[in-house]
Amino acid sequence: MSKKVIILRIILLSFAVFALWSVFDVNLKHFNYAINSDIGGDALSAVAMWKYHSLHPVNWCGSTESRIISVVTVAAFLYGLSHNIQLSMGLACCIVCV
């Protein structure tokens, strides 16, 4: 390979690593500052999913979608492991992003 190709690959790899690092950093460290009504509702839904062990909790009125593999279902599983919804939603956003 030529020297230009090697340098270009290094630049692209470093950009990809920086982009992934920034996503993980924002989701894990600054998650509290970015909560809005959508992600807040998803966090409450994840807690209800874990509490009732169901994709459609009994007392939860969801929308017309059925979430099988999504941030909410991953967060519900992680909430069961950590019992910290902020960490669970941050990690779930990172996992689904990757």
PDB file of N, CA and C in Angstrom:
ATOM      1  N   MET A   1       0.821  -1.182   0.000  1.00  0.00           N
ATOM      2  CA  MET A   1       0.000   0.000   0.000  1.00  0.00           C
ATOM      3  C   MET A   1       0.865   1.245   0.000  1.00  0.00           C
ATOM      4  N   SER A   2       0.295   2.254  -0.583  1.00  0.00           N
ATOM      5  CA  SER A   2       1.045   3.502  -0.635  1.00  0.00           C
ATOM      6  C   SER A   2       0.906   4.253   0.695  1.00  0.00           C
ATOM      7  N   LYS A   3       1.766   5.215   0.849  1.00  0.00           N
ATOM      8  CA  LYS A   3       1.779   5.980   2.089  1.00  0.00           C
ATOM      9  C   LYS A   3       0.498   6.808   2.243  1.00  0.00           C
ATOM     10  N   LYS A   4      -0.058   7.291   1.122  1.00  0.00           N
ATOM     11  CA  LYS A   4      -1.296   8.075   1.171  1.00  0.00           C
ATOM     12  C   LYS A   4      -2.467   7.235   1.664  1.00  0.00           C
ATOM     13  N   VAL A   5      -2.539   6.001   1.218  1.00  0.00           N
ATOM     14  CA  VAL A   5      -3.635   5.120   1.621  1.00  0.00           C
ATOM     15  C   VAL A   5      -3.546   4.823   3.111  1.00  0.00           C
ATOM     16  N   ILE A   6      -2.355   4.580   3.612  1.00  0.00           N
ATOM     17  CA  ILE A   6      -2.163   4.302   5.040  1.00  0.00           C
ATOM     18  C   ILE A   6      -2.547   5.510   5.883  1.00  0.00           C
ATOM     19  N   ILE A   7      -2.137   6.696   5.465  1.00  0.00           N
ATOM     20  CA  ILE A   7      -2.472   7.915   6.196  1.00  0.00           C
ATOM     21  C   ILE A   7      -3.977   8.157   6.173  1.00  0.00           C
ATOM     22  N   LEU A   8      -4.619   7.932   5.026  1.00  0.00           N
ATOM     23  CA  LEU A   8      -6.064   8.111   4.914  1.00  0.00           C
ATOM     24  C   LEU A   8      -6.812   7.136   5.820  1.00  0.00           C
ATOM     25  N   ARG A   9      -6.360   5.886   5.875  1.00  0.00           N
ATOM     26  CA  ARG A   9      -6.986   4.908   6.757  1.00  0.00           C
ATOM     27  C   ARG A   9      -6.821   5.286   8.223  1.00  0.00           C
ATOM     28  N   ILE A  10      -5.673   5.788   8.590  1.00  0.00           N
ATOM     29  CA  ILE A  10      -5.446   6.216   9.974  1.00  0.00           C
ATOM     30  C   ILE A  10      -6.365   7.374  10.328  1.00  0.00           C
ATOM     31  N   ILE A  11      -6.520   8.315   9.409  1.00  0.00           N
ATOM     32  CA  ILE A  11      -7.394   9.462   9.646  1.00  0.00           C
ATOM     33  C   ILE A  11      -8.845   8.998   9.783  1.00  0.00           C
ATOM     34  N   LEU A  12      -9.296   8.124   8.903  1.00  0.00           N
ATOM     35  CA  LEU A  12     -10.669   7.627   8.971  1.00  0.00           C
ATOM     36  C   LEU A  12     -10.916   6.816  10.236  1.00  0.00           C
ATOM     37  N   LEU A  13      -9.958   5.991  10.619  1.00  0.00           N
ATOM     38  CA  LEU A  13     -10.094   5.200  11.841  1.00  0.00           C
ATOM     39  C   LEU A  13     -10.132   6.095  13.074  1.00  0.00           C
ATOM     40  N   SER A  14      -9.287   7.103  13.110  1.00  0.00           N
ATOM     41  CA  SER A  14      -9.289   8.008  14.257  1.00  0.00           C
ATOM     42  C   SER A  14     -10.596   8.803  14.325  1.00  0.00           C
ATOM     43  N   PHE A  15     -11.152   9.182  13.184  1.00  0.00           N
ATOM     44  CA  PHE A  15     -12.438   9.866  13.168  1.00  0.00           C
ATOM     45  C   PHE A  15     -13.547   8.950  13.679  1.00  0.00           C
ATOM     46  N   ALA A  16     -13.539   7.687  13.259  1.00  0.00           N
ATOM     47  CA  ALA A  16     -14.555   6.731  13.704  1.00  0.00           C
ATOM     48  C   ALA A  16     -14.448   6.491  15.210  1.00  0.00           C
ATOM     49  N   VAL A  17     -13.242   6.350  15.721  1.00  0.00           N
ATOM     50  CA  VAL A  17     -13.038   6.143  17.157  1.00  0.00           C
ATOM     51  C   VAL A  17     -13.511   7.368  17.935  1.00  0.00           C
ATOM     52  N   PHE A  18     -13.201   8.553  17.447  1.00  0.00           N
ATOM     53  CA  PHE A  18     -13.650   9.782  18.106  1.00  0.00           C
ATOM     54  C   PHE A  18     -15.169   9.897  18.097  1.00  0.00           C
ATOM     55  N   ALA A  19     -15.799   9.543  16.985  1.00  0.00           N
ATOM     56  CA  ALA A  19     -17.263   9.615  16.892  1.00  0.00           C
ATOM     57  C   ALA A  19     -17.918   8.645  17.878  1.00  0.00           C
ATOM     58  N   LEU A  20     -17.424   7.411  17.941  1.00  0.00           N
ATOM     59  CA  LEU A  20     -17.979   6.449  18.894  1.00  0.00           C
ATOM     60  C   LEU A  20     -17.727   6.869  20.336  1.00  0.00           C
ATOM     61  N   TRP A  21     -16.540   7.386  20.602  1.00  0.00           N
ATOM     62  CA  TRP A  21     -16.226   7.852  21.954  1.00  0.00           C
ATOM     63  C   TRP A  21     -17.158   8.984  22.356  1.00  0.00           C
ATOM     64  N   SER A  22     -17.430   9.908  21.444  1.00  0.00           N
ATOM     65  CA  SER A  22     -18.305  11.034  21.782  1.00  0.00           C
ATOM     66  C   SER A  22     -19.734  10.559  22.039  1.00  0.00           C
ATOM     67  N   VAL A  23     -20.217   9.571  21.288  1.00  0.00           N
ATOM     68  CA  VAL A  23     -21.554   9.030  21.527  1.00  0.00           C
ATOM     69  C   VAL A  23     -21.621   8.384  22.907  1.00  0.00           C
ATOM     70  N   PHE A  24     -20.639   7.562  23.241  1.00  0.00           N
ATOM     71  CA  PHE A  24     -20.623   6.910  24.546  1.00  0.00           C
ATOM     72  C   PHE A  24     -20.490   7.935  25.669  1.00  0.00           C
ATOM     73  N   ASP A  25     -19.659   8.946  25.485  1.00  0.00           N
ATOM     74  CA  ASP A  25     -19.450   9.963  26.509  1.00  0.00           C
ATOM     75  C   ASP A  25     -20.734  10.736  26.777  1.00  0.00           C
ATOM     76  N   VAL A  26     -21.403  11.147  25.725  1.00  0.00           N
ATOM     77  CA  VAL A  26     -22.639  11.917  25.892  1.00  0.00           C
ATOM     78  C   VAL A  26     -23.728  11.056  26.520  1.00  0.00           C
ATOM     79  N   ASN A  27     -23.868   9.827  26.063  1.00  0.00           N
ATOM     80  CA  ASN A  27     -24.937   8.967  26.585  1.00  0.00           C
ATOM     81  C   ASN A  27     -24.712   8.563  28.036  1.00  0.00           C
ATOM     82  N   LEU A  28     -23.485   8.387  28.443  1.00  0.00           N
ATOM     83  CA  LEU A  28     -23.220   7.907  29.796  1.00  0.00           C
ATOM     84  C   LEU A  28     -23.001   9.020  30.812  1.00  0.00           C
ATOM     85  N   LYS A  29     -22.347  10.107  30.412  1.00  0.00           N
ATOM     86  CA  LYS A  29     -22.003  11.149  31.371  1.00  0.00           C
ATOM     87  C   LYS A  29     -22.955  12.333  31.364  1.00  0.00           C
ATOM     88  N   HIS A  30     -23.570  12.616  30.238  1.00  0.00           N
ATOM     89  CA  HIS A  30     -24.406  13.810  30.128  1.00  0.00           C
ATOM     90  C   HIS A  30     -25.857  13.464  29.835  1.00  0.00           C
ATOM     91  N   PHE A  31     -26.268  12.260  30.198  1.00  0.00           N
ATOM     92  CA  PHE A  31     -27.614  11.800  29.887  1.00  0.00           C
ATOM     93  C   PHE A  31     -28.675  12.612  30.621  1.00  0.00           C
ATOM     94  N   ASN A  32     -28.421  12.988  31.866  1.00  0.00           N
ATOM     95  CA  ASN A  32     -29.405  13.734  32.657  1.00  0.00           C
ATOM     96  C   ASN A  32     -29.750  15.073  32.023  1.00  0.00           C
ATOM     97  N   TYR A  33     -28.807  15.695  31.343  1.00  0.00           N
ATOM     98  CA  TYR A  33     -29.035  17.020  30.778  1.00  0.00           C
ATOM     99  C   TYR A  33     -29.790  16.962  29.456  1.00  0.00           C
ATOM    100  N   ALA A  34     -29.893  15.789  28.861  1.00  0.00           N
ATOM    101  CA  ALA A  34     -30.526  15.659  27.553  1.00  0.00           C
ATOM    102  C   ALA A  34     -31.894  14.983  27.621  1.00  0.00           C
ATOM    103  N   ILE A  35     -32.407  14.772  28.822  1.00  0.00           N
ATOM    104  CA  ILE A  35     -33.695  14.094  28.944  1.00  0.00           C
ATOM    105  C   ILE A  35     -34.800  15.049  28.504  1.00  0.00           C
ATOM    106  N   ASN A  36     -35.625  14.574  27.584  1.00  0.00           N
ATOM    107  CA  ASN A  36     -36.808  15.321  27.178  1.00  0.00           C
ATOM    108  C   ASN A  36     -38.019  14.412  27.376  1.00  0.00           C
ATOM    109  N   SER A  37     -39.168  14.825  26.895  1.00  0.00           N
ATOM    110  CA  SER A  37     -40.384  14.048  27.159  1.00  0.00           C
ATOM    111  C   SER A  37     -40.339  12.680  26.489  1.00  0.00           C
ATOM    112  N   ASP A  38     -39.694  12.556  25.336  1.00  0.00           N
ATOM    113  CA  ASP A  38     -39.639  11.266  24.653  1.00  0.00           C
ATOM    114  C   ASP A  38     -38.786  10.254  25.413  1.00  0.00           C
ATOM    115  N   ILE A  39     -37.572  10.624  25.742  1.00  0.00           N
ATOM    116  CA  ILE A  39     -36.674   9.682  26.408  1.00  0.00           C
ATOM    117  C   ILE A  39     -37.103   9.472  27.863  1.00  0.00           C
ATOM    118  N   GLY A  40     -37.735  10.479  28.473  1.00  0.00           N
ATOM    119  CA  GLY A  40     -38.254  10.303  29.823  1.00  0.00           C
ATOM    120  C   GLY A  40     -39.383   9.287  29.865  1.00  0.00           C
ATOM    121  N   GLY A  41     -40.281   9.353  28.886  1.00  0.00           N
ATOM    122  CA  GLY A  41     -41.348   8.363  28.778  1.00  0.00           C
ATOM    123  C   GLY A  41     -40.809   6.974  28.497  1.00  0.00           C
ATOM    124  N   ASP A  42     -39.775   6.914  27.676  1.00  0.00           N
ATOM    125  CA  ASP A  42     -39.143   5.624  27.403  1.00  0.00           C
ATOM    126  C   ASP A  42     -38.501   5.039  28.654  1.00  0.00           C
ATOM    127  N   ALA A  43     -37.898   5.905  29.468  1.00  0.00           N
ATOM    128  CA  ALA A  43     -37.284   5.426  30.709  1.00  0.00           C
ATOM    129  C   ALA A  43     -38.345   4.874  31.658  1.00  0.00           C
ATOM    130  N   LEU A  44     -39.457   5.573  31.783  1.00  0.00           N
ATOM    131  CA  LEU A  44     -40.538   5.074  32.637  1.00  0.00           C
ATOM    132  C   LEU A  44     -41.129   3.785  32.084  1.00  0.00           C
ATOM    133  N   SER A  45     -41.221   3.692  30.768  1.00  0.00           N
ATOM    134  CA  SER A  45     -41.709   2.466  30.140  1.00  0.00           C
ATOM    135  C   SER A  45     -40.763   1.303  30.400  1.00  0.00           C
ATOM    136  N   ALA A  46     -39.463   1.550  30.367  1.00  0.00           N
ATOM    137  CA  ALA A  46     -38.486   0.491  30.637  1.00  0.00           C
ATOM    138  C   ALA A  46     -38.607  -0.016  32.068  1.00  0.00           C
ATOM    139  N   VAL A  47     -38.816   0.892  33.011  1.00  0.00           N
ATOM    140  CA  VAL A  47     -38.996   0.477  34.406  1.00  0.00           C
ATOM    141  C   VAL A  47     -40.263  -0.367  34.543  1.00  0.00           C
ATOM    142  N   ALA A  48     -41.343   0.057  33.880  1.00  0.00           N
ATOM    143  CA  ALA A  48     -42.595  -0.715  33.942  1.00  0.00           C
ATOM    144  C   ALA A  48     -42.434  -2.078  33.280  1.00  0.00           C
ATOM    145  N   MET A  49     -41.675  -2.140  32.169  1.00  0.00           N
ATOM    146  CA  MET A  49     -41.434  -3.426  31.512  1.00  0.00           C
ATOM    147  C   MET A  49     -40.713  -4.389  32.449  1.00  0.00           C
ATOM    148  N   TRP A  50     -39.728  -3.874  33.176  1.00  0.00           N
ATOM    149  CA  TRP A  50     -38.995  -4.751  34.091  1.00  0.00           C
ATOM    150  C   TRP A  50     -39.861  -5.138  35.288  1.00  0.00           C
ATOM    151  N   LYS A  51     -40.615  -4.184  35.784  1.00  0.00           N
ATOM    152  CA  LYS A  51     -41.429  -4.444  36.973  1.00  0.00           C
ATOM    153  C   LYS A  51     -42.491  -5.507  36.697  1.00  0.00           C
ATOM    154  N   TYR A  52     -43.128  -5.445  35.531  1.00  0.00           N
ATOM    155  CA  TYR A  52     -44.187  -6.395  35.198  1.00  0.00           C
ATOM    156  C   TYR A  52     -43.707  -7.549  34.316  1.00  0.00           C
ATOM    157  N   HIS A  53     -42.444  -7.561  33.954  1.00  0.00           N
ATOM    158  CA  HIS A  53     -41.854  -8.628  33.125  1.00  0.00           C
ATOM    159  C   HIS A  53     -42.659  -8.873  31.852  1.00  0.00           C
ATOM    160  N   SER A  54     -42.942  -7.785  31.165  1.00  0.00           N
ATOM    161  CA  SER A  54     -43.750  -7.874  29.957  1.00  0.00           C
ATOM    162  C   SER A  54     -43.359  -6.760  28.997  1.00  0.00           C
ATOM    163  N   LEU A  55     -43.454  -7.034  27.687  1.00  0.00           N
ATOM    164  CA  LEU A  55     -43.203  -5.987  26.703  1.00  0.00           C
ATOM    165  C   LEU A  55     -44.329  -4.958  26.697  1.00  0.00           C
ATOM    166  N   HIS A  56     -45.511  -5.364  27.148  1.00  0.00           N
ATOM    167  CA  HIS A  56     -46.660  -4.472  27.240  1.00  0.00           C
ATOM    168  C   HIS A  56     -47.187  -4.519  28.669  1.00  0.00           C
ATOM    169  N   PRO A  57     -46.662  -3.665  29.546  1.00  0.00           N
ATOM    170  CA  PRO A  57     -47.090  -3.690  30.945  1.00  0.00           C
ATOM    171  C   PRO A  57     -48.599  -3.461  31.074  1.00  0.00           C
ATOM    172  N   VAL A  58     -49.172  -4.026  32.125  1.00  0.00           N
ATOM    173  CA  VAL A  58     -50.617  -4.013  32.315  1.00  0.00           C
ATOM    174  C   VAL A  58     -51.162  -2.592  32.429  1.00  0.00           C
ATOM    175  N   ASN A  59     -50.530  -1.755  33.213  1.00  0.00           N
ATOM    176  CA  ASN A  59     -51.074  -0.422  33.466  1.00  0.00           C
ATOM    177  C   ASN A  59     -50.440   0.648  32.570  1.00  0.00           C
ATOM    178  N   TRP A  60     -49.821   0.262  31.487  1.00  0.00           N
ATOM    179  CA  TRP A  60     -49.129   1.213  30.622  1.00  0.00           C
ATOM    180  C   TRP A  60     -49.857   1.288  29.288  1.00  0.00           C
ATOM    181  N   CYS A  61     -50.257   2.477  28.912  1.00  0.00           N
ATOM    182  CA  CYS A  61     -50.947   2.670  27.637  1.00  0.00           C
ATOM    183  C   CYS A  61     -49.923   3.171  26.626  1.00  0.00           C
ATOM    184  N   GLY A  62     -49.462   2.299  25.772  1.00  0.00           N
ATOM    185  CA  GLY A  62     -48.451   2.658  24.799  1.00  0.00           C
ATOM    186  C   GLY A  62     -49.051   3.149  23.496  1.00  0.00           C
ATOM    187  N   SER A  63     -48.205   3.422  22.563  1.00  0.00           N
ATOM    188  CA  SER A  63     -48.684   3.863  21.258  1.00  0.00           C
ATOM    189  C   SER A  63     -48.994   2.645  20.389  1.00  0.00           C
ATOM    190  N   THR A  64     -49.081   2.850  19.112  1.00  0.00           N
ATOM    191  CA  THR A  64     -49.464   1.766  18.211  1.00  0.00           C
ATOM    192  C   THR A  64     -48.303   0.870  17.827  1.00  0.00           C
ATOM    193  N   GLU A  65     -47.111   1.164  18.321  1.00  0.00           N
ATOM    194  CA  GLU A  65     -45.956   0.353  17.961  1.00  0.00           C
ATOM    195  C   GLU A  65     -45.738  -0.770  18.964  1.00  0.00           C
ATOM    196  N   SER A  66     -45.124  -1.829  18.500  1.00  0.00           N
ATOM    197  CA  SER A  66     -44.752  -2.942  19.375  1.00  0.00           C
ATOM    198  C   SER A  66     -43.230  -3.021  19.397  1.00  0.00           C
ATOM    199  N   ARG A  67     -42.634  -2.711  20.512  1.00  0.00           N
ATOM    200  CA  ARG A  67     -41.179  -2.629  20.625  1.00  0.00           C
ATOM    201  C   ARG A  67     -40.610  -3.992  20.987  1.00  0.00           C
ATOM    202  N   ILE A  68     -39.979  -4.620  20.028  1.00  0.00           N
ATOM    203  CA  ILE A  68     -39.361  -5.914  20.272  1.00  0.00           C
ATOM    204  C   ILE A  68     -37.882  -5.730  20.580  1.00  0.00           C
ATOM    205  N   ILE A  69     -37.146  -5.136  19.657  1.00  0.00           N
ATOM    206  CA  ILE A  69     -35.736  -4.812  19.894  1.00  0.00           C
ATOM    207  C   ILE A  69     -35.603  -3.300  19.728  1.00  0.00           C
ATOM    208  N   SER A  70     -35.472  -2.609  20.841  1.00  0.00           N
ATOM    209  CA  SER A  70     -35.372  -1.152  20.819  1.00  0.00           C
ATOM    210  C   SER A  70     -34.612  -0.684  22.052  1.00  0.00           C
ATOM    211  N   VAL A  71     -34.442   0.605  22.146  1.00  0.00           N
ATOM    212  CA  VAL A  71     -33.751   1.173  23.299  1.00  0.00           C
ATOM    213  C   VAL A  71     -34.499   0.829  24.586  1.00  0.00           C
ATOM    214  N   VAL A  72     -35.815   0.847  24.524  1.00  0.00           N
ATOM    215  CA  VAL A  72     -36.615   0.612  25.730  1.00  0.00           C
ATOM    216  C   VAL A  72     -36.460  -0.821  26.228  1.00  0.00           C
ATOM    217  N   THR A  73     -36.504  -1.792  25.339  1.00  0.00           N
ATOM    218  CA  THR A  73     -36.382  -3.182  25.787  1.00  0.00           C
ATOM    219  C   THR A  73     -34.978  -3.491  26.298  1.00  0.00           C
ATOM    220  N   VAL A  74     -33.967  -2.936  25.648  1.00  0.00           N
ATOM    221  CA  VAL A  74     -32.598  -3.119  26.133  1.00  0.00           C
ATOM    222  C   VAL A  74     -32.434  -2.438  27.493  1.00  0.00           C
ATOM    223  N   ALA A  75     -33.013  -1.241  27.637  1.00  0.00           N
ATOM    224  CA  ALA A  75     -32.926  -0.525  28.912  1.00  0.00           C
ATOM    225  C   ALA A  75     -33.659  -1.272  30.020  1.00  0.00           C
ATOM    226  N   ALA A  76     -34.769  -1.921  29.689  1.00  0.00           N
ATOM    227  CA  ALA A  76     -35.493  -2.694  30.709  1.00  0.00           C
ATOM    228  C   ALA A  76     -34.636  -3.846  31.214  1.00  0.00           C
ATOM    229  N   PHE A  77     -33.954  -4.534  30.311  1.00  0.00           N
ATOM    230  CA  PHE A  77     -33.057  -5.615  30.726  1.00  0.00           C
ATOM    231  C   PHE A  77     -31.911  -5.075  31.583  1.00  0.00           C
ATOM    232  N   LEU A  78     -31.307  -3.984  31.148  1.00  0.00           N
ATOM    233  CA  LEU A  78     -30.198  -3.408  31.909  1.00  0.00           C
ATOM    234  C   LEU A  78     -30.663  -2.841  33.250  1.00  0.00           C
ATOM    235  N   TYR A  79     -31.893  -2.348  33.294  1.00  0.00           N
ATOM    236  CA  TYR A  79     -32.432  -1.852  34.562  1.00  0.00           C
ATOM    237  C   TYR A  79     -32.564  -2.987  35.570  1.00  0.00           C
ATOM    238  N   GLY A  80     -32.917  -4.146  35.091  1.00  0.00           N
ATOM    239  CA  GLY A  80     -33.001  -5.295  35.978  1.00  0.00           C
ATOM    240  C   GLY A  80     -31.652  -5.679  36.561  1.00  0.00           C
ATOM    241  N   LEU A  81     -30.597  -5.421  35.817  1.00  0.00           N
ATOM    242  CA  LEU A  81     -29.257  -5.743  36.305  1.00  0.00           C
ATOM    243  C   LEU A  81     -28.698  -4.673  37.235  1.00  0.00           C
ATOM    244  N   SER A  82     -28.944  -3.407  36.902  1.00  0.00           N
ATOM    245  CA  SER A  82     -28.296  -2.323  37.647  1.00  0.00           C
ATOM    246  C   SER A  82     -29.217  -1.581  38.610  1.00  0.00           C
ATOM    247  N   HIS A  83     -30.524  -1.594  38.379  1.00  0.00           N
ATOM    248  CA  HIS A  83     -31.499  -0.828  39.159  1.00  0.00           C
ATOM    249  C   HIS A  83     -31.171   0.664  39.162  1.00  0.00           C
ATOM    250  N   ASN A  84     -30.578   1.133  38.072  1.00  0.00           N
ATOM    251  CA  ASN A  84     -30.292   2.552  37.874  1.00  0.00           C
ATOM    252  C   ASN A  84     -30.774   2.906  36.465  1.00  0.00           C
ATOM    253  N   ILE A  85     -31.882   3.631  36.381  1.00  0.00           N
ATOM    254  CA  ILE A  85     -32.486   3.869  35.076  1.00  0.00           C
ATOM    255  C   ILE A  85     -31.651   4.818  34.224  1.00  0.00           C
ATOM    256  N   GLN A  86     -30.938   5.747  34.830  1.00  0.00           N
ATOM    257  CA  GLN A  86     -30.102   6.660  34.050  1.00  0.00           C
ATOM    258  C   GLN A  86     -28.965   5.905  33.373  1.00  0.00           C
ATOM    259  N   LEU A  87     -28.301   5.048  34.125  1.00  0.00           N
ATOM    260  CA  LEU A  87     -27.230   4.232  33.547  1.00  0.00           C
ATOM    261  C   LEU A  87     -27.791   3.278  32.504  1.00  0.00           C
ATOM    262  N   SER A  88     -28.939   2.688  32.791  1.00  0.00           N
ATOM    263  CA  SER A  88     -29.539   1.726  31.870  1.00  0.00           C
ATOM    264  C   SER A  88     -29.920   2.372  30.547  1.00  0.00           C
ATOM    265  N   MET A  89     -30.535   3.543  30.598  1.00  0.00           N
ATOM    266  CA  MET A  89     -30.921   4.217  29.352  1.00  0.00           C
ATOM    267  C   MET A  89     -29.685   4.688  28.589  1.00  0.00           C
ATOM    268  N   GLY A  90     -28.679   5.173  29.291  1.00  0.00           N
ATOM    269  CA  GLY A  90     -27.450   5.587  28.614  1.00  0.00           C
ATOM    270  C   GLY A  90     -26.764   4.433  27.910  1.00  0.00           C
ATOM    271  N   LEU A  91     -26.633   3.306  28.610  1.00  0.00           N
ATOM    272  CA  LEU A  91     -26.014   2.124  27.998  1.00  0.00           C
ATOM    273  C   LEU A  91     -26.862   1.575  26.856  1.00  0.00           C
ATOM    274  N   ALA A  92     -28.177   1.598  27.028  1.00  0.00           N
ATOM    275  CA  ALA A  92     -29.057   1.107  25.966  1.00  0.00           C
ATOM    276  C   ALA A  92     -28.936   1.962  24.710  1.00  0.00           C
ATOM    277  N   CYS A  93     -28.851   3.267  24.883  1.00  0.00           N
ATOM    278  CA  CYS A  93     -28.652   4.152  23.717  1.00  0.00           C
ATOM    279  C   CYS A  93     -27.330   3.842  23.033  1.00  0.00           C
ATOM    280  N   CYS A  94     -26.279   3.572  23.803  1.00  0.00           N
ATOM    281  CA  CYS A  94     -24.979   3.234  23.224  1.00  0.00           C
ATOM    282  C   CYS A  94     -25.043   1.908  22.477  1.00  0.00           C
ATOM    283  N   ILE A  95     -25.678   0.894  23.065  1.00  0.00           N
ATOM    284  CA  ILE A  95     -25.751  -0.422  22.450  1.00  0.00           C
ATOM    285  C   ILE A  95     -26.540  -0.380  21.157  1.00  0.00           C
ATOM    286  N   VAL A  96     -27.681   0.303  21.176  1.00  0.00           N
ATOM    287  CA  VAL A  96     -28.505   0.370  19.970  1.00  0.00           C
ATOM    288  C   VAL A  96     -27.833   1.232  18.906  1.00  0.00           C
ATOM    289  N   CYS A  97     -27.077   2.234  19.324  1.00  0.00           N
ATOM    290  CA  CYS A  97     -26.366   3.078  18.361  1.00  0.00           C
ATOM    291  C   CYS A  97     -25.298   2.306  17.603  1.00  0.00           C
ATOM    292  N   VAL A  98     -24.614   1.427  18.318  1.00  0.00           N
ATOM    293  CA  VAL A  98     -23.550   0.654  17.680  1.00  0.00           C
ATOM    294  C   VAL A  98     -24.172  -0.473  16.914  1.00  0.00           C
TER     295      VAL A  98
END
